[in-house]
Amino acid sequence: MPIQFRDIFCQSADGLKLHAKVIGEDKGNALPVLCLPGLTRTTDDFDEIARALATDPRAPRKVVAVDYRGRGLSDYDPDPAKYTVPIEMGDVLAIAASLGISKAILLGTSRGGLISMALAATQPQLLAGVILNDIGPALEMSGLMKIKGYIANPPPRQTWDEAAGGLKELFGSVFPALRDAEWMAWARRAFREKTGGGLERTYDLKLAHTLDGLDPGSPLPLAWDLFDALAPIPLMLIHGGLSDLLSPQGVKDMAARRPDLDLVEVADQGHAPLLADQPTMARIVAFCARCDREAAPG
């Protein structure tokens, strides 16, 4: 029987129900991997890479994908002001503690990468390695405004064909190689059926307020101090060749500060790479094996 995902639930520090999806088991010296999704994303984004890591014949490992509050099967927060990186970092720590995870490799997509950098600054003992998926300390305003635009007032979708078509219309220019079946699979991750008919997003629409203050005249502060907290930790960067959020210059600046950076360029994908193609997954599996070796005693 193929290896199966299992759902686990725990409680946040302030009493919300948090969800994570787990696959694989702790085996030997293979470190667990914590997968942290983007701003409006859920555990489902990591299914392909999670299976690859959990079934790697050389080092099968436990993989845990996290739903922060307001996403997926986790409770929505009655106070949208709590949708912040520090509080979501607390959600990650609550899930890790509930599973007895004291050291892990972090795979952070976009928002998840920011949370990973914040954890490096505040909880470095947890981190045995970090994979940043198309995120860094300096982000392009055009990409940020695109994100703000599509979460501020998302159009309703009644059918799966509408949902898949809408995603293709929005992201087709930066994911030009995706086939119709892949757009439909993306739609199945981004929407769910709602009571009474039609579809709903798999996140709290109030998450849009996290970007209320963002505009070209008020850019996000640079986060080089958080990036530099990763200095002693093995680091991989996955960069979408068509990304509008992390520029080639941003990648060069990160590599200049980290000459040992394990850089993966994903052609024909934008923000953020889907982590489902074989070359990228093979690089992630190899990086995790490196983290195992560097963390091993002696």
Protein backbone atom coordinates (compact mmCIF):
# COMPACT_ATOMS: atom_id res chain seq x y z
CA MET A 1 0.00 0.00 0.00
CA PRO A 2 1.38 3.47 -0.88
CA ILE A 3 2.48 5.57 2.06
CA GLN A 4 -0.39 7.73 3.30
CA PHE A 5 -0.75 11.24 4.73
CA ARG A 6 -2.35 11.62 8.14
CA ASP A 7 -3.95 14.69 9.69
CA ILE A 8 -2.94 15.89 13.12
CA PHE A 9 -4.41 18.69 15.18
CA CYS A 10 -3.11 20.63 18.16
CA GLN A 11 -3.80 23.90 19.93
CA SER A 12 -2.12 27.25 19.44
CA ALA A 13 -0.86 29.29 22.37
CA ASP A 14 -4.08 31.31 22.27
CA GLY A 15 -6.43 28.35 21.93
CA LEU A 16 -7.05 27.94 18.19
CA LYS A 17 -7.14 24.52 16.55
CA LEU A 18 -4.13 24.07 14.26
CA HIS A 19 -3.82 21.46 11.51
CA ALA A 20 -0.83 19.75 9.97
CA LYS A 21 -0.45 16.95 7.47
CA VAL A 22 2.17 14.31 8.24
CA ILE A 23 3.75 11.61 6.09
CA GLY A 24 6.57 9.21 6.90
CA GLU A 25 8.21 8.28 10.16
CA ASP A 26 11.35 9.19 12.08
CA LYS A 27 14.06 6.78 10.93
CA GLY A 28 17.73 6.65 11.90
CA ASN A 29 19.52 9.98 11.53
CA ALA A 30 17.07 11.34 8.94
CA LEU A 31 15.85 14.71 10.18
CA PRO A 32 12.18 15.65 9.91
CA VAL A 33 11.17 18.35 7.46
CA LEU A 34 8.72 21.12 8.35
CA CYS A 35 6.99 22.56 5.26
CA LEU A 36 5.74 26.13 5.65
CA PRO A 37 3.41 27.45 2.92
CA GLY A 38 2.89 30.87 1.40
CA LEU A 39 0.56 33.63 2.57
CA THR A 40 -2.74 32.10 1.40
CA ARG A 41 -1.54 28.57 0.82
CA THR A 42 -2.02 25.28 2.65
CA THR A 43 -0.43 21.93 3.40
CA ASP A 44 -1.56 20.55 0.04
CA ASP A 45 1.13 22.53 -1.82
CA PHE A 46 3.78 20.13 -0.53
CA ASP A 47 2.22 16.75 -1.38
CA GLU A 48 4.66 15.82 -4.16
CA ILE A 49 7.88 16.82 -2.41
CA ALA A 50 6.62 15.39 0.91
CA ARG A 51 6.07 11.99 -0.72
CA ALA A 52 9.51 12.14 -2.33
CA LEU A 53 11.20 12.87 0.99
CA ALA A 54 9.18 10.33 2.97
CA THR A 55 9.89 7.53 0.49
CA ASP A 56 13.52 8.30 -0.36
CA PRO A 57 15.08 4.82 -0.22
CA ARG A 58 18.39 6.17 1.08
CA ALA A 59 16.94 8.28 3.92
CA PRO A 60 13.15 8.09 4.36
CA ARG A 61 11.99 10.74 6.80
CA LYS A 62 8.99 12.32 8.48
CA VAL A 63 7.56 15.35 6.68
CA VAL A 64 5.12 17.75 8.34
CA ALA A 65 3.24 20.39 6.34
CA VAL A 66 1.68 23.17 8.40
CA ASP A 67 -1.58 25.10 8.11
CA TYR A 68 -1.11 28.38 9.98
CA ARG A 69 -4.21 29.88 11.54
CA GLY A 70 -6.64 31.09 8.89
CA ARG A 71 -5.62 28.49 6.32
CA GLY A 72 -6.72 25.02 5.32
CA LEU A 73 -8.15 22.99 8.20
CA SER A 74 -6.85 25.29 10.95
CA ASP A 75 -9.21 27.63 12.77
CA TYR A 76 -9.68 31.11 11.39
CA ASP A 77 -8.64 33.80 13.85
CA PRO A 78 -11.51 36.02 15.05
CA ASP A 79 -8.94 38.85 15.19
CA PRO A 80 -7.40 39.31 11.72
CA ALA A 81 -4.73 41.53 13.25
CA LYS A 82 -3.12 38.30 14.47
CA TYR A 83 -2.29 37.19 10.95
CA THR A 84 1.36 38.16 11.38
CA VAL A 85 4.71 36.44 10.91
CA PRO A 86 5.52 36.35 14.66
CA ILE A 87 2.19 34.76 15.59
CA GLU A 88 2.28 32.32 12.70
CA MET A 89 5.81 31.43 13.80
CA GLY A 90 4.23 30.53 17.15
CA ASP A 91 1.79 28.26 15.31
CA VAL A 92 4.71 26.43 13.70
CA LEU A 93 6.39 26.01 17.08
CA ALA A 94 3.16 24.68 18.62
CA ILE A 95 2.81 22.04 15.91
CA ALA A 96 6.50 21.07 16.18
CA ALA A 97 6.22 20.73 19.95
CA SER A 98 3.05 18.63 19.68
CA LEU A 99 4.97 16.18 17.49
CA GLY A 100 8.07 16.16 19.67
CA ILE A 101 10.21 17.81 16.99
CA SER A 102 13.21 19.57 18.52
CA LYS A 103 15.35 19.84 15.35
CA ALA A 104 14.21 19.96 11.73
CA ILE A 105 14.91 21.09 8.20
CA LEU A 106 12.58 23.93 7.18
CA LEU A 107 11.15 24.23 3.67
CA GLY A 108 9.52 27.65 3.45
CA THR A 109 7.63 28.96 0.43
CA SER A 110 7.28 32.75 0.28
CA ARG A 111 5.64 33.68 3.63
CA GLY A 112 6.95 30.37 4.98
CA GLY A 113 10.47 31.47 4.10
CA LEU A 114 10.02 34.70 6.06
CA ILE A 115 8.86 32.62 9.02
CA SER A 116 11.91 30.38 8.57
CA MET A 117 14.24 33.39 8.72
CA ALA A 118 12.42 34.67 11.81
CA LEU A 119 12.91 31.26 13.45
CA ALA A 120 16.63 31.40 12.64
CA ALA A 121 16.82 34.65 14.59
CA THR A 122 14.74 33.50 17.56
CA GLN A 123 14.90 29.68 17.73
CA PRO A 124 18.16 28.71 15.99
CA GLN A 125 18.44 25.45 17.93
CA LEU A 126 15.42 24.14 16.00
CA LEU A 127 16.98 24.56 12.56
CA ALA A 128 19.22 21.92 10.98
CA GLY A 129 18.80 23.42 7.51
CA VAL A 130 16.60 25.88 5.63
CA ILE A 131 15.21 25.82 2.08
CA LEU A 132 13.84 29.18 0.94
CA ASN A 133 11.41 28.86 -1.95
CA ASP A 134 11.49 32.09 -3.97
CA ILE A 135 11.83 34.43 -1.03
CA GLY A 136 14.55 36.59 0.42
CA PRO A 137 15.27 39.71 2.45
CA ALA A 138 14.68 42.11 -0.48
CA LEU A 139 11.48 41.74 -2.51
CA GLU A 140 10.24 43.41 -5.68
CA MET A 141 7.36 45.84 -5.23
CA SER A 142 5.73 44.73 -8.50
CA GLY A 143 5.41 41.17 -7.19
CA LEU A 144 4.12 42.32 -3.82
CA MET A 145 1.48 44.51 -5.45
CA LYS A 146 0.40 41.62 -7.66
CA ILE A 147 -0.15 39.48 -4.54
CA LYS A 148 -2.05 42.32 -2.87
CA GLY A 149 -4.21 42.72 -5.96
CA TYR A 150 -5.34 39.12 -6.28
CA ILE A 151 -6.12 38.58 -2.60
CA ALA A 152 -7.80 41.95 -1.99
CA ASN A 153 -11.02 41.18 -3.85
CA PRO A 154 -10.94 37.67 -5.30
CA PRO A 155 -13.73 36.94 -7.79
CA PRO A 156 -16.18 34.16 -6.88
CA ARG A 157 -15.80 30.81 -8.62
CA GLN A 158 -18.75 28.48 -8.99
CA THR A 159 -17.20 25.53 -10.84
CA TRP A 160 -13.84 23.77 -10.96
CA ASP A 161 -13.40 24.78 -14.59
CA GLU A 162 -13.91 28.43 -13.58
CA ALA A 163 -11.38 28.07 -10.79
CA ALA A 164 -8.74 26.46 -12.99
CA GLY A 165 -9.35 28.97 -15.77
CA GLY A 166 -9.06 31.88 -13.38
CA LEU A 167 -5.72 30.64 -12.07
CA LYS A 168 -4.41 30.18 -15.60
CA GLU A 169 -5.51 33.71 -16.50
CA LEU A 170 -3.77 35.12 -13.43
CA PHE A 171 -0.55 33.09 -13.45
CA GLY A 172 -0.25 31.69 -16.97
CA SER A 173 2.44 34.18 -18.00
CA VAL A 174 4.79 32.98 -15.23
CA PHE A 175 3.87 29.28 -15.46
CA PRO A 176 3.73 28.91 -19.26
CA ALA A 177 4.53 25.19 -19.31
CA LEU A 178 1.65 24.00 -17.11
CA ARG A 179 -0.90 21.74 -18.79
CA ASP A 180 -4.66 21.90 -18.20
CA ALA A 181 -4.52 18.98 -15.75
CA GLU A 182 -1.92 20.86 -13.71
CA TRP A 183 -4.05 24.00 -13.59
CA MET A 184 -6.94 21.85 -12.37
CA ALA A 185 -4.70 20.29 -9.70
CA TRP A 186 -3.72 23.81 -8.60
CA ALA A 187 -7.40 24.75 -8.39
CA ARG A 188 -8.07 21.70 -6.19
CA ARG A 189 -5.40 22.96 -3.81
CA ALA A 190 -6.62 26.55 -3.79
CA PHE A 191 -10.39 25.99 -3.52
CA ARG A 192 -12.87 23.65 -1.85
CA GLU A 193 -16.58 23.05 -2.25
CA LYS A 194 -18.77 25.06 0.07
CA THR A 195 -22.11 24.34 1.64
CA GLY A 196 -24.90 25.46 -0.67
CA GLY A 197 -22.89 25.12 -3.86
CA GLY A 198 -19.98 26.82 -5.53
CA LEU A 199 -16.40 27.03 -4.34
CA GLU A 200 -14.56 28.93 -1.65
CA ARG A 201 -10.90 29.73 -1.08
CA THR A 202 -9.00 27.57 1.37
CA TYR A 203 -8.05 30.60 3.45
CA ASP A 204 -9.66 33.36 5.47
CA LEU A 205 -10.36 36.23 3.08
CA LYS A 206 -9.47 38.62 5.91
CA LEU A 207 -5.83 37.70 5.24
CA ALA A 208 -5.98 40.46 2.63
CA HIS A 209 -5.74 42.99 5.46
CA THR A 210 -2.16 41.89 6.15
CA LEU A 211 -1.16 43.92 3.08
CA ASP A 212 -3.37 46.96 3.72
CA GLY A 213 -0.43 49.27 4.36
CA LEU A 214 1.60 48.12 1.36
CA ASP A 215 2.00 50.51 -1.55
CA PRO A 216 4.87 51.67 -3.76
CA GLY A 217 5.50 54.57 -1.39
CA SER A 218 5.64 52.27 1.65
CA PRO A 219 7.79 49.27 0.73
CA LEU A 220 8.49 46.44 3.11
CA PRO A 221 11.64 46.93 5.19
CA LEU A 222 14.67 44.92 4.12
CA ALA A 223 15.27 41.82 6.23
CA TRP A 224 19.01 41.28 5.88
CA ASP A 225 19.35 40.92 9.64
CA LEU A 226 17.02 37.91 9.53
CA PHE A 227 18.83 36.48 6.50
CA ASP A 228 22.16 36.85 8.26
CA ALA A 229 20.78 34.83 11.19
CA LEU A 230 20.91 31.88 8.78
CA ALA A 231 24.72 32.17 8.55
CA PRO A 232 25.55 29.00 10.56
CA ILE A 233 22.73 26.94 9.02
CA PRO A 234 22.90 24.97 5.73
CA LEU A 235 20.91 26.99 3.21
CA MET A 236 19.26 26.26 -0.14
CA LEU A 237 17.50 28.85 -2.30
CA ILE A 238 14.98 27.82 -4.96
CA HIS A 239 14.39 30.64 -7.44
CA GLY A 240 11.69 30.79 -10.07
CA GLY A 241 13.27 31.86 -13.34
CA LEU A 242 10.15 33.95 -14.11
CA SER A 243 9.63 35.23 -10.56
CA ASP A 244 8.34 38.77 -10.19
CA LEU A 245 8.95 38.76 -6.42
CA LEU A 246 12.60 37.71 -6.07
CA SER A 247 14.79 39.33 -8.71
CA PRO A 248 18.02 37.94 -10.21
CA GLN A 249 19.87 40.77 -8.45
CA GLY A 250 18.26 39.77 -5.17
CA VAL A 251 19.54 36.24 -5.70
CA LYS A 252 23.05 37.54 -6.45
CA ASP A 253 23.02 39.65 -3.28
CA MET A 254 22.02 36.62 -1.20
CA ALA A 255 24.71 34.47 -2.78
CA ALA A 256 27.32 37.15 -2.12
CA ARG A 257 26.54 36.95 1.60
CA ARG A 258 26.36 33.16 1.49
CA PRO A 259 29.00 31.78 -0.91
CA ASP A 260 27.97 28.27 0.18
CA LEU A 261 24.37 28.86 -0.91
CA ASP A 262 22.88 25.83 -2.67
CA LEU A 263 21.04 27.58 -5.51
CA VAL A 264 18.34 25.91 -7.62
CA GLU A 265 16.98 27.83 -10.62
CA VAL A 266 13.60 26.58 -11.88
CA ALA A 267 13.04 27.60 -15.49
CA ASP A 268 9.56 28.45 -16.79
CA GLN A 269 8.12 28.94 -13.29
CA GLY A 270 7.47 32.18 -11.45
CA HIS A 271 6.47 32.86 -7.87
CA ALA A 272 6.59 30.43 -6.33
CA PRO A 273 8.01 27.23 -7.90
CA LEU A 274 5.64 24.31 -7.38
CA LEU A 275 8.30 21.90 -6.06
CA ALA A 276 6.83 19.06 -8.11
CA ASP A 277 9.33 18.62 -10.97
CA GLN A 278 11.84 15.79 -10.67
CA PRO A 279 15.06 17.84 -10.92
CA THR A 280 14.00 20.25 -8.16
CA MET A 281 12.74 17.46 -5.91
CA ALA A 282 16.02 15.55 -6.39
CA ARG A 283 18.00 18.62 -5.31
CA ILE A 284 15.83 19.03 -2.22
CA VAL A 285 16.25 15.36 -1.30
CA ALA A 286 20.04 15.67 -1.70
CA PHE A 287 20.15 18.86 0.39
CA CYS A 288 18.23 17.17 3.21
CA ALA A 289 20.75 14.30 3.14
CA ARG A 290 23.52 16.88 3.48
CA CYS A 291 21.76 18.37 6.51
CA ASP A 292 21.56 14.89 8.05
CA ARG A 293 25.33 14.46 7.66
CA GLU A 294 26.17 17.88 9.08
CA ALA A 295 23.87 17.39 12.07
CA ALA A 296 25.09 13.88 12.85
CA PRO A 297 27.07 13.61 16.10
CA GLY A 298 30.81 13.16 15.78
